[in-house]
C-alpha atoms as a PDB file:
ATOM      1  CA  UNK A   1       0.045   0.088  -0.270  1.00  0.00           C
ATOM      2  CA  UNK A   2       1.739   3.087  -1.311  1.00  0.00           C
ATOM      3  CA  UNK A   3       1.064   6.497   1.281  1.00  0.00           C
ATOM      4  CA  UNK A   4       0.584   5.000   4.513  1.00  0.00           C
ATOM      5  CA  UNK A   5       2.173   2.212   4.608  1.00  0.00           C
ATOM      6  CA  UNK A   6       2.006   1.252   7.837  1.00  0.00           C
ATOM      7  CA  UNK A   7      -1.203   3.148   9.080  1.00  0.00           C
ATOM      8  CA  UNK A   8      -3.388   0.482   9.938  1.00  0.00           C
ATOM      9  CA  UNK A   9      -6.373   0.103   6.914  1.00  0.00           C
ATOM     10  CA  UNK A  10      -9.860   0.546   9.266  1.00  0.00           C
ATOM     11  CA  UNK A  11     -13.790  -0.469   9.560  1.00  0.00           C
ATOM     12  CA  UNK A  12     -14.792   2.563   7.271  1.00  0.00           C
ATOM     13  CA  UNK A  13     -11.889   4.203   5.651  1.00  0.00           C
ATOM     14  CA  UNK A  14     -11.715   5.603   2.515  1.00  0.00           C
ATOM     15  CA  UNK A  15      -9.784   3.882   0.592  1.00  0.00           C
ATOM     16  CA  UNK A  16      -8.583   3.391  -3.578  1.00  0.00           C
ATOM     17  CA  UNK A  17      -8.050  -0.212  -4.738  1.00  0.00           C
ATOM     18  CA  UNK A  18      -8.516  -2.334  -7.869  1.00  0.00           C
ATOM     19  CA  UNK A  19     -12.713  -2.056  -7.546  1.00  0.00           C
ATOM     20  CA  UNK A  20     -13.783  -5.547  -9.086  1.00  0.00           C
ATOM     21  CA  UNK A  21     -17.176  -5.343 -11.205  1.00  0.00           C
ATOM     22  CA  UNK A  22     -19.615  -8.147 -10.827  1.00  0.00           C
ATOM     23  CA  UNK A  23     -20.384  -9.184 -13.877  1.00  0.00           C
ATOM     24  CA  UNK A  24     -16.759  -9.809 -15.767  1.00  0.00           C
ATOM     25  CA  UNK A  25     -13.856 -10.430 -14.523  1.00  0.00           C
ATOM     26  CA  UNK A  26     -11.809  -6.675 -15.072  1.00  0.00           C
ATOM     27  CA  UNK A  27     -11.345  -3.989 -11.247  1.00  0.00           C
ATOM     28  CA  UNK A  28     -11.349   0.003 -11.924  1.00  0.00           C
ATOM     29  CA  UNK A  29      -9.812   2.051  -9.602  1.00  0.00           C
ATOM     30  CA  UNK A  30     -11.690   4.282  -7.750  1.00  0.00           C
ATOM     31  CA  UNK A  31     -12.095   5.093  -3.677  1.00  0.00           C
ATOM     32  CA  UNK A  32     -14.474   1.705  -1.899  1.00  0.00           C
ATOM     33  CA  UNK A  33     -15.430   1.917   2.217  1.00  0.00           C
ATOM     34  CA  UNK A  34     -14.897  -1.033   4.570  1.00  0.00           C
ATOM     35  CA  UNK A  35     -17.353  -1.859   6.127  1.00  0.00           C
ATOM     36  CA  UNK A  36     -15.711  -4.582   7.827  1.00  0.00           C
ATOM     37  CA  UNK A  37     -15.238  -5.251  11.444  1.00  0.00           C
ATOM     38  CA  UNK A  38     -12.144  -5.309  13.205  1.00  0.00           C
ATOM     39  CA  UNK A  39     -12.113  -9.093  13.518  1.00  0.00           C
ATOM     40  CA  UNK A  40     -12.584 -10.108  10.267  1.00  0.00           C
ATOM     41  CA  UNK A  41      -9.371  -7.906   9.182  1.00  0.00           C
ATOM     42  CA  UNK A  42      -7.336  -9.151  12.516  1.00  0.00           C
ATOM     43  CA  UNK A  43      -8.711 -12.672  12.293  1.00  0.00           C
ATOM     44  CA  UNK A  44      -8.856 -13.653   8.877  1.00  0.00           C
ATOM     45  CA  UNK A  45      -6.811 -10.419   6.331  1.00  0.00           C
ATOM     46  CA  UNK A  46     -10.178 -10.354   4.172  1.00  0.00           C
ATOM     47  CA  UNK A  47     -11.731  -6.903   4.468  1.00  0.00           C
ATOM     48  CA  UNK A  48     -15.391  -6.103   3.165  1.00  0.00           C
ATOM     49  CA  UNK A  49     -16.306  -2.784   0.582  1.00  0.00           C
ATOM     50  CA  UNK A  50     -18.830  -1.304  -0.978  1.00  0.00           C
ATOM     51  CA  UNK A  51     -18.689   0.574  -3.797  1.00  0.00           C
ATOM     52  CA  UNK A  52     -17.508   4.865  -3.462  1.00  0.00           C
ATOM     53  CA  UNK A  53     -18.836   6.539  -6.724  1.00  0.00           C
ATOM     54  CA  UNK A  54     -19.734   9.932  -8.366  1.00  0.00           C
ATOM     55  CA  UNK A  55     -23.129  11.335  -7.278  1.00  0.00           C
ATOM     56  CA  UNK A  56     -24.006  12.564 -10.815  1.00  0.00           C
ATOM     57  CA  UNK A  57     -24.613   8.291 -11.248  1.00  0.00           C
ATOM     58  CA  UNK A  58     -28.037   7.084 -11.908  1.00  0.00           C
ATOM     59  CA  UNK A  59     -29.414   6.899  -7.893  1.00  0.00           C
ATOM     60  CA  UNK A  60     -29.484   3.325  -6.893  1.00  0.00           C
ATOM     61  CA  UNK A  61     -31.483   1.906  -3.715  1.00  0.00           C
ATOM     62  CA  UNK A  62     -29.536   2.234  -1.203  1.00  0.00           C
ATOM     63  CA  UNK A  63     -27.280   4.894  -2.555  1.00  0.00           C
ATOM     64  CA  UNK A  64     -25.926   6.758   0.931  1.00  0.00           C
ATOM     65  CA  UNK A  65     -24.210  10.071   0.001  1.00  0.00           C
ATOM     66  CA  UNK A  66     -21.111  11.266   1.610  1.00  0.00           C
ATOM     67  CA  UNK A  67     -22.117  14.376   3.323  1.00  0.00           C
ATOM     68  CA  UNK A  68     -18.782  15.145   3.996  1.00  0.00           C
ATOM     69  CA  UNK A  69     -15.958  15.525   1.461  1.00  0.00           C
ATOM     70  CA  UNK A  70     -12.806  16.875   2.647  1.00  0.00           C
ATOM     71  CA  UNK A  71     -14.009  13.874   5.825  1.00  0.00           C
ATOM     72  CA  UNK A  72     -13.710  11.274   3.476  1.00  0.00           C
ATOM     73  CA  UNK A  73     -11.013  12.913   1.449  1.00  0.00           C
ATOM     74  CA  UNK A  74     -12.918  12.941  -1.529  1.00  0.00           C
ATOM     75  CA  UNK A  75     -12.969  15.922  -4.129  1.00  0.00           C
ATOM     76  CA  UNK A  76     -16.262  15.577  -5.536  1.00  0.00           C
ATOM     77  CA  UNK A  77     -19.985  14.834  -4.979  1.00  0.00           C
ATOM     78  CA  UNK A  78     -19.325  11.588  -4.105  1.00  0.00           C
ATOM     79  CA  UNK A  79     -22.085   8.004  -3.013  1.00  0.00           C
ATOM     80  CA  UNK A  80     -22.272   5.174  -1.220  1.00  0.00           C
ATOM     81  CA  UNK A  81     -23.190   1.989  -2.597  1.00  0.00           C
ATOM     82  CA  UNK A  82     -23.829  -0.604  -0.040  1.00  0.00           C
ATOM     83  CA  UNK A  83     -25.297  -2.942  -2.981  1.00  0.00           C
ATOM     84  CA  UNK A  84     -22.038  -2.951  -4.835  1.00  0.00           C
ATOM     85  CA  UNK A  85     -19.722  -5.206  -2.313  1.00  0.00           C
ATOM     86  CA  UNK A  86     -16.798  -7.106  -2.373  1.00  0.00           C
ATOM     87  CA  UNK A  87     -14.252  -8.665  -0.459  1.00  0.00           C
ATOM     88  CA  UNK A  88     -10.221  -8.328  -0.639  1.00  0.00           C
ATOM     89  CA  UNK A  89      -7.251  -9.396   0.722  1.00  0.00           C
ATOM     90  CA  UNK A  90      -5.158  -6.041   2.162  1.00  0.00           C
ATOM     91  CA  UNK A  91      -2.921  -6.498  -0.684  1.00  0.00           C
ATOM     92  CA  UNK A  92      -5.946  -5.400  -2.496  1.00  0.00           C
ATOM     93  CA  UNK A  93      -5.972  -1.517  -0.864  1.00  0.00           C
ATOM     94  CA  UNK A  94      -4.092   1.381  -2.619  1.00  0.00           C
ATOM     95  CA  UNK A  95      -4.449   3.606  -0.566  1.00  0.00           C
ATOM     96  CA  UNK A  96      -6.518   5.190   2.647  1.00  0.00           C
ATOM     97  CA  UNK A  97      -7.385   8.525   2.026  1.00  0.00           C
ATOM     98  CA  UNK A  98      -9.970   9.310   4.594  1.00  0.00           C
ATOM     99  CA  UNK A  99     -12.757   7.730   6.870  1.00  0.00           C
ATOM    100  CA  UNK A 100     -16.434   7.691   6.194  1.00  0.00           C
ATOM    101  CA  UNK A 101     -18.962  10.621   8.825  1.00  0.00           C
ATOM    102  CA  UNK A 102     -19.934   9.548  11.767  1.00  0.00           C
ATOM    103  CA  UNK A 103     -23.743  10.226  10.290  1.00  0.00           C
ATOM    104  CA  UNK A 104     -23.146   8.001   7.216  1.00  0.00           C
ATOM    105  CA  UNK A 105     -21.604   5.513   8.738  1.00  0.00           C
ATOM    106  CA  UNK A 106     -25.248   5.111  10.030  1.00  0.00           C
ATOM    107  CA  UNK A 107     -27.476   4.700   6.783  1.00  0.00           C
ATOM    108  CA  UNK A 108     -24.516   2.633   5.253  1.00  0.00           C
ATOM    109  CA  UNK A 109     -25.521   0.077   7.781  1.00  0.00           C
ATOM    110  CA  UNK A 110     -29.038   0.126   7.684  1.00  0.00           C
ATOM    111  CA  UNK A 111     -28.895  -0.156   3.730  1.00  0.00           C
ATOM    112  CA  UNK A 112     -26.408  -3.295   4.819  1.00  0.00           C
ATOM    113  CA  UNK A 113     -29.219  -4.658   7.350  1.00  0.00           C
ATOM    114  CA  UNK A 114     -32.035  -4.002   4.430  1.00  0.00           C
ATOM    115  CA  UNK A 115     -29.702  -6.181   1.701  1.00  0.00           C
ATOM    116  CA  UNK A 116     -27.934  -8.898   3.545  1.00  0.00           C
ATOM    117  CA  UNK A 117     -29.662 -12.190   4.901  1.00  0.00           C
ATOM    118  CA  UNK A 118     -31.941 -12.779   8.274  1.00  0.00           C
END
């Protein structure tokens, strides 16, 4: 990981990495937010991520607008898209750029809870 190689990635960090496409065997370097717990990171060495995209894209059920771009480290209006998740290992991360604001975290969790099996 470049930039902050010795900094541990934590829940709710906004990161840059090659995010895999769901419909083909490819990836695009883009921002994403870590939505998994420290337990998964520590015990399995894996991270669950939700895609971040620019707010100009057509809205999708469950999207969460990022309320503080500075805290998140993003240059343009952006949304978290909890309907697009990926599982990656630490080696996939390019760099950490910020953290998701607390109010947005609650909304992302709400979307994830609606989408996950119970």
